[in-house]
N, C-alpha and C. Protein backbone atom coordinates (compact mmCIF):
# COMPACT_ATOMS: atom_id res chain seq x y z
N MET A 1 -95.27 155.95 7.98
CA MET A 1 -95.02 155.44 9.18
C MET A 1 -93.94 154.40 8.88
N GLY A 2 -92.97 154.40 9.77
CA GLY A 2 -91.94 153.41 9.63
C GLY A 2 -91.03 153.33 10.81
N CYS A 3 -90.06 152.51 10.76
CA CYS A 3 -89.12 152.28 12.01
C CYS A 3 -87.75 152.18 11.53
N PHE A 4 -86.85 152.79 12.16
CA PHE A 4 -85.44 152.74 11.97
C PHE A 4 -84.80 151.94 13.05
N VAL A 5 -84.12 150.91 12.70
CA VAL A 5 -83.30 150.12 13.75
C VAL A 5 -81.88 150.34 13.54
N LEU A 6 -81.33 151.01 14.50
CA LEU A 6 -79.90 151.52 14.40
C LEU A 6 -78.99 150.64 15.34
N THR A 7 -77.68 150.63 14.91
CA THR A 7 -76.83 149.94 15.68
C THR A 7 -75.83 150.84 16.52
N GLN A 8 -75.95 152.12 16.42
CA GLN A 8 -75.27 153.02 17.16
C GLN A 8 -76.12 153.73 18.15
N SER A 9 -75.55 154.10 19.29
CA SER A 9 -76.32 154.79 20.35
C SER A 9 -76.48 156.29 19.93
N ARG A 10 -77.41 156.94 20.71
CA ARG A 10 -77.78 158.38 20.41
C ARG A 10 -76.42 159.10 20.55
N GLY A 11 -76.34 160.12 19.62
CA GLY A 11 -75.17 160.96 19.65
C GLY A 11 -74.06 160.54 18.77
N TYR A 12 -74.04 159.29 18.16
CA TYR A 12 -73.01 158.87 17.37
C TYR A 12 -73.02 159.62 16.04
N THR A 13 -71.82 160.14 15.72
CA THR A 13 -71.74 160.62 14.38
C THR A 13 -70.54 160.00 13.61
N LYS A 14 -70.73 159.63 12.37
CA LYS A 14 -69.68 158.96 11.65
C LYS A 14 -68.60 160.09 11.22
N LYS A 15 -67.38 159.78 11.20
CA LYS A 15 -66.33 160.69 11.01
C LYS A 15 -65.85 160.36 9.61
N LYS A 16 -64.93 161.31 9.06
CA LYS A 16 -64.37 161.07 7.79
C LYS A 16 -63.50 159.84 7.78
N ASN A 17 -63.42 159.15 6.69
CA ASN A 17 -62.63 157.90 6.60
C ASN A 17 -61.18 158.26 6.55
N TYR A 18 -60.52 157.77 7.58
CA TYR A 18 -58.98 158.14 7.66
C TYR A 18 -58.16 157.40 6.63
N MET A 19 -58.84 156.45 5.91
CA MET A 19 -58.14 155.64 4.91
C MET A 19 -58.32 156.32 3.44
N MET A 20 -59.01 157.53 3.47
CA MET A 20 -59.25 158.04 2.13
C MET A 20 -57.98 158.22 1.26
N PRO A 21 -56.86 158.62 1.77
CA PRO A 21 -55.70 158.72 0.86
C PRO A 21 -55.37 157.36 0.17
N VAL A 22 -55.44 156.34 1.02
CA VAL A 22 -55.25 154.96 0.37
C VAL A 22 -56.31 154.57 -0.63
N ILE A 23 -57.57 154.89 -0.20
CA ILE A 23 -58.60 154.56 -1.14
C ILE A 23 -58.59 155.28 -2.40
N ARG A 24 -58.14 156.59 -2.38
CA ARG A 24 -58.08 157.33 -3.64
C ARG A 24 -57.00 156.74 -4.48
N LEU A 25 -55.93 156.28 -3.89
CA LEU A 25 -54.84 155.73 -4.59
C LEU A 25 -55.15 154.42 -5.30
N LYS A 26 -55.63 153.61 -4.38
CA LYS A 26 -55.90 152.19 -4.80
C LYS A 26 -57.07 152.05 -5.78
N TYR A 27 -58.08 152.93 -5.60
CA TYR A 27 -59.29 152.80 -6.45
C TYR A 27 -59.41 154.00 -7.37
N ARG A 28 -58.36 154.68 -7.76
CA ARG A 28 -58.37 155.87 -8.60
C ARG A 28 -59.14 155.68 -9.93
N ARG A 29 -59.19 154.40 -10.45
CA ARG A 29 -59.88 154.13 -11.68
C ARG A 29 -61.49 154.16 -11.56
N TYR A 30 -61.86 154.09 -10.25
CA TYR A 30 -63.28 154.03 -9.85
C TYR A 30 -63.65 155.32 -9.18
N LYS A 31 -63.86 156.42 -9.96
CA LYS A 31 -64.06 157.70 -9.35
C LYS A 31 -65.40 157.80 -8.58
N ASP A 32 -66.47 157.12 -9.04
CA ASP A 32 -67.65 157.18 -8.32
C ASP A 32 -67.62 156.50 -7.01
N PHE A 33 -66.90 155.43 -6.95
CA PHE A 33 -66.68 154.62 -5.70
C PHE A 33 -65.91 155.49 -4.71
N VAL A 34 -64.85 156.14 -5.25
CA VAL A 34 -63.97 156.90 -4.37
C VAL A 34 -64.84 158.12 -3.79
N GLN A 35 -65.67 158.71 -4.61
CA GLN A 35 -66.51 159.86 -4.18
C GLN A 35 -67.52 159.34 -3.17
N ALA A 36 -68.06 158.19 -3.38
CA ALA A 36 -69.11 157.63 -2.37
C ALA A 36 -68.37 157.33 -1.08
N MET A 37 -67.15 156.87 -1.05
CA MET A 37 -66.43 156.66 0.09
C MET A 37 -66.08 157.97 0.83
N ALA A 38 -65.75 159.05 0.08
CA ALA A 38 -65.43 160.28 0.64
C ALA A 38 -66.69 160.91 1.26
N ASP A 39 -67.82 160.67 0.70
CA ASP A 39 -69.04 161.32 1.25
C ASP A 39 -69.76 160.43 2.17
N ARG A 40 -69.28 159.24 2.51
CA ARG A 40 -70.08 158.21 3.28
C ARG A 40 -70.52 158.86 4.64
N HIS A 41 -69.60 159.45 5.32
CA HIS A 41 -69.89 159.97 6.63
C HIS A 41 -70.98 161.08 6.58
N LYS A 42 -70.95 161.98 5.46
CA LYS A 42 -71.99 162.91 5.35
C LYS A 42 -73.31 162.36 5.13
N VAL A 43 -73.34 161.37 4.23
CA VAL A 43 -74.65 160.70 3.88
C VAL A 43 -75.19 160.04 5.05
N TYR A 44 -74.32 159.39 5.90
CA TYR A 44 -74.89 158.66 7.11
C TYR A 44 -75.33 159.68 8.11
N ASN A 45 -74.66 160.75 8.29
CA ASN A 45 -75.00 161.77 9.35
C ASN A 45 -76.30 162.51 8.94
N GLU A 46 -76.42 162.79 7.61
CA GLU A 46 -77.70 163.40 7.13
C GLU A 46 -78.84 162.42 7.35
N SER A 47 -78.68 161.23 7.03
CA SER A 47 -79.71 160.14 7.24
C SER A 47 -80.19 160.06 8.64
N ILE A 48 -79.23 160.10 9.57
CA ILE A 48 -79.58 160.04 10.92
C ILE A 48 -80.38 161.32 11.34
N ALA A 49 -79.93 162.48 10.88
CA ALA A 49 -80.62 163.74 11.23
C ALA A 49 -82.01 163.67 10.70
N TYR A 50 -82.14 163.18 9.46
CA TYR A 50 -83.52 163.05 8.82
C TYR A 50 -84.44 162.15 9.65
N ALA A 51 -83.86 160.94 10.05
CA ALA A 51 -84.61 160.00 10.99
C ALA A 51 -85.01 160.64 12.25
N GLU A 52 -84.17 161.33 12.84
CA GLU A 52 -84.44 161.89 14.12
C GLU A 52 -85.51 163.00 13.91
N LYS A 53 -85.52 163.75 12.85
CA LYS A 53 -86.50 164.85 12.59
C LYS A 53 -87.87 164.20 12.29
N ARG A 54 -87.89 163.09 11.65
CA ARG A 54 -89.16 162.36 11.45
C ARG A 54 -89.64 161.79 12.68
N ALA A 55 -88.79 161.34 13.55
CA ALA A 55 -89.14 160.74 14.80
C ALA A 55 -89.80 161.82 15.73
N SER A 56 -89.18 163.01 15.66
CA SER A 56 -89.69 164.14 16.53
C SER A 56 -91.06 164.52 16.03
N ASP A 57 -91.39 164.37 14.73
CA ASP A 57 -92.67 164.56 14.11
C ASP A 57 -93.64 163.51 14.42
N GLY A 58 -93.17 162.29 14.96
CA GLY A 58 -94.09 161.17 15.22
C GLY A 58 -94.27 160.27 13.94
N ALA A 59 -93.53 160.52 12.91
CA ALA A 59 -93.77 159.70 11.70
C ALA A 59 -93.00 158.37 11.69
N VAL A 60 -91.87 158.29 12.47
CA VAL A 60 -91.10 157.00 12.43
C VAL A 60 -90.73 156.90 13.94
N LEU A 61 -90.33 155.65 14.18
CA LEU A 61 -89.94 155.20 15.51
C LEU A 61 -88.39 154.79 15.34
N ILE A 62 -87.58 155.23 16.24
CA ILE A 62 -86.14 154.91 16.18
C ILE A 62 -85.87 153.91 17.38
N VAL A 63 -85.30 152.71 16.96
CA VAL A 63 -84.91 151.75 17.96
C VAL A 63 -83.35 151.73 17.86
N ARG A 64 -82.70 152.08 18.99
CA ARG A 64 -81.22 151.98 18.98
C ARG A 64 -80.79 151.62 20.37
N PRO A 65 -79.64 151.08 20.44
CA PRO A 65 -79.08 150.73 21.68
C PRO A 65 -78.84 151.89 22.62
N SER A 66 -79.00 151.69 23.89
CA SER A 66 -78.89 152.72 24.82
C SER A 66 -77.38 152.97 25.21
N GLU A 67 -76.51 152.02 24.86
CA GLU A 67 -75.10 152.15 25.06
C GLU A 67 -74.37 151.59 23.81
N LYS A 68 -73.08 151.98 23.88
CA LYS A 68 -72.21 151.59 22.71
C LYS A 68 -71.93 150.11 22.78
N LEU A 69 -72.18 149.51 21.51
CA LEU A 69 -72.07 148.07 21.39
C LEU A 69 -70.61 147.70 21.50
N PRO A 70 -70.29 146.52 22.23
CA PRO A 70 -68.90 146.15 22.49
C PRO A 70 -68.29 145.40 21.36
N VAL A 71 -68.60 145.67 20.14
CA VAL A 71 -68.19 144.95 18.94
C VAL A 71 -67.46 145.84 17.97
N GLY A 72 -66.63 145.33 17.19
CA GLY A 72 -65.94 146.12 16.11
C GLY A 72 -66.77 145.83 14.83
N ARG A 73 -66.22 146.43 13.80
CA ARG A 73 -66.97 146.32 12.51
C ARG A 73 -67.10 144.90 11.96
N VAL A 74 -66.05 144.13 12.22
CA VAL A 74 -66.03 142.65 11.79
C VAL A 74 -65.68 141.95 13.04
N GLU A 75 -66.67 141.72 13.90
CA GLU A 75 -66.37 141.10 15.24
C GLU A 75 -66.55 139.48 15.10
N LYS A 76 -65.64 138.83 15.62
CA LYS A 76 -65.67 137.31 15.66
C LYS A 76 -65.74 136.76 17.05
N ASP A 77 -65.47 137.54 17.99
CA ASP A 77 -65.49 137.11 19.39
C ASP A 77 -66.88 136.67 19.88
N PRO A 78 -67.23 135.50 20.04
CA PRO A 78 -68.57 135.02 20.44
C PRO A 78 -69.12 135.75 21.69
N GLU A 79 -68.29 135.94 22.66
CA GLU A 79 -68.73 136.63 23.88
C GLU A 79 -69.15 138.05 23.59
N LYS A 80 -68.34 138.80 22.81
CA LYS A 80 -68.72 140.08 22.47
C LYS A 80 -70.00 140.19 21.65
N LEU A 81 -70.12 139.22 20.74
CA LEU A 81 -71.33 139.22 19.98
C LEU A 81 -72.55 138.82 20.85
N LYS A 82 -72.40 138.07 21.79
CA LYS A 82 -73.54 137.73 22.60
C LYS A 82 -73.90 138.91 23.51
N ALA A 83 -72.85 139.64 23.94
CA ALA A 83 -73.09 140.87 24.71
C ALA A 83 -73.82 141.89 23.96
N ALA A 84 -73.50 142.05 22.64
CA ALA A 84 -74.11 143.03 21.76
C ALA A 84 -75.62 142.56 21.55
N TYR A 85 -75.80 141.19 21.44
CA TYR A 85 -77.23 140.61 21.27
C TYR A 85 -77.95 141.03 22.45
N GLU A 86 -77.47 140.88 23.62
CA GLU A 86 -78.17 141.06 24.83
C GLU A 86 -78.59 142.53 25.00
N ILE A 87 -77.72 143.43 24.67
CA ILE A 87 -77.99 144.92 24.70
C ILE A 87 -79.18 145.10 23.65
N GLY A 88 -79.13 144.57 22.57
CA GLY A 88 -80.24 144.78 21.56
C GLY A 88 -81.49 144.10 22.14
N ARG A 89 -81.51 143.04 22.73
CA ARG A 89 -82.65 142.46 23.34
C ARG A 89 -83.26 143.32 24.51
N ARG A 90 -82.37 143.76 25.35
CA ARG A 90 -82.81 144.56 26.44
C ARG A 90 -83.51 145.85 25.94
N THR A 91 -82.83 146.47 24.94
CA THR A 91 -83.42 147.63 24.28
C THR A 91 -84.76 147.44 23.77
N ALA A 92 -84.93 146.34 23.00
CA ALA A 92 -86.20 146.09 22.39
C ALA A 92 -87.24 145.76 23.50
N GLU A 93 -86.92 145.00 24.49
CA GLU A 93 -87.92 144.72 25.62
C GLU A 93 -88.30 146.07 26.31
N ALA A 94 -87.28 146.86 26.51
CA ALA A 94 -87.67 148.08 27.18
C ALA A 94 -88.56 148.95 26.41
N MET A 95 -88.41 148.92 25.06
CA MET A 95 -89.16 149.71 24.11
C MET A 95 -90.55 149.17 23.69
N LEU A 96 -90.66 147.88 24.18
CA LEU A 96 -91.93 147.15 23.62
C LEU A 96 -93.25 147.89 23.74
N PRO A 97 -93.56 148.52 24.84
CA PRO A 97 -94.82 149.36 24.90
C PRO A 97 -94.77 150.48 23.94
N GLN A 98 -93.64 151.15 23.84
CA GLN A 98 -93.56 152.23 22.78
C GLN A 98 -93.77 151.69 21.27
N ILE A 99 -93.19 150.46 21.06
CA ILE A 99 -93.22 149.99 19.82
C ILE A 99 -94.72 149.57 19.53
N ARG A 100 -95.38 148.90 20.41
CA ARG A 100 -96.76 148.56 20.28
C ARG A 100 -97.64 149.66 20.04
N GLU A 101 -97.46 150.72 20.86
CA GLU A 101 -98.25 151.92 20.68
C GLU A 101 -98.11 152.58 19.31
N PHE A 102 -96.80 152.59 18.89
CA PHE A 102 -96.46 153.16 17.57
C PHE A 102 -97.13 152.41 16.43
N LEU A 103 -97.17 151.11 16.55
CA LEU A 103 -97.76 150.33 15.55
C LEU A 103 -99.29 150.16 15.70
N GLY A 104 -99.79 150.68 16.87
CA GLY A 104 -101.26 150.64 16.95
C GLY A 104 -101.85 149.43 17.46
N HIS A 105 -101.03 148.65 18.23
CA HIS A 105 -101.54 147.31 18.77
C HIS A 105 -101.75 147.51 20.29
């Protein structure tokens, strides 16, 4: 029994890193790192598929925002961060009965 807390809404899939040619050139001495970056989208998408399968079996609970968060990867805008926080808060509040049931409380 476990819980996955995700930052992406349902249906999100990570795409190939468009910077791979630059990463391959800049980090060519670090072959394992380059391979990890090249496979990152596959590993992420496989992990999400695994979590969703386990959730459909009732073994895990997935908590994720119901909408796309209005922030970038390295967000500094306090208003956007506050908006993302509020989305997370509303999501958790809406799921609270489901979370309690899942945890057996």
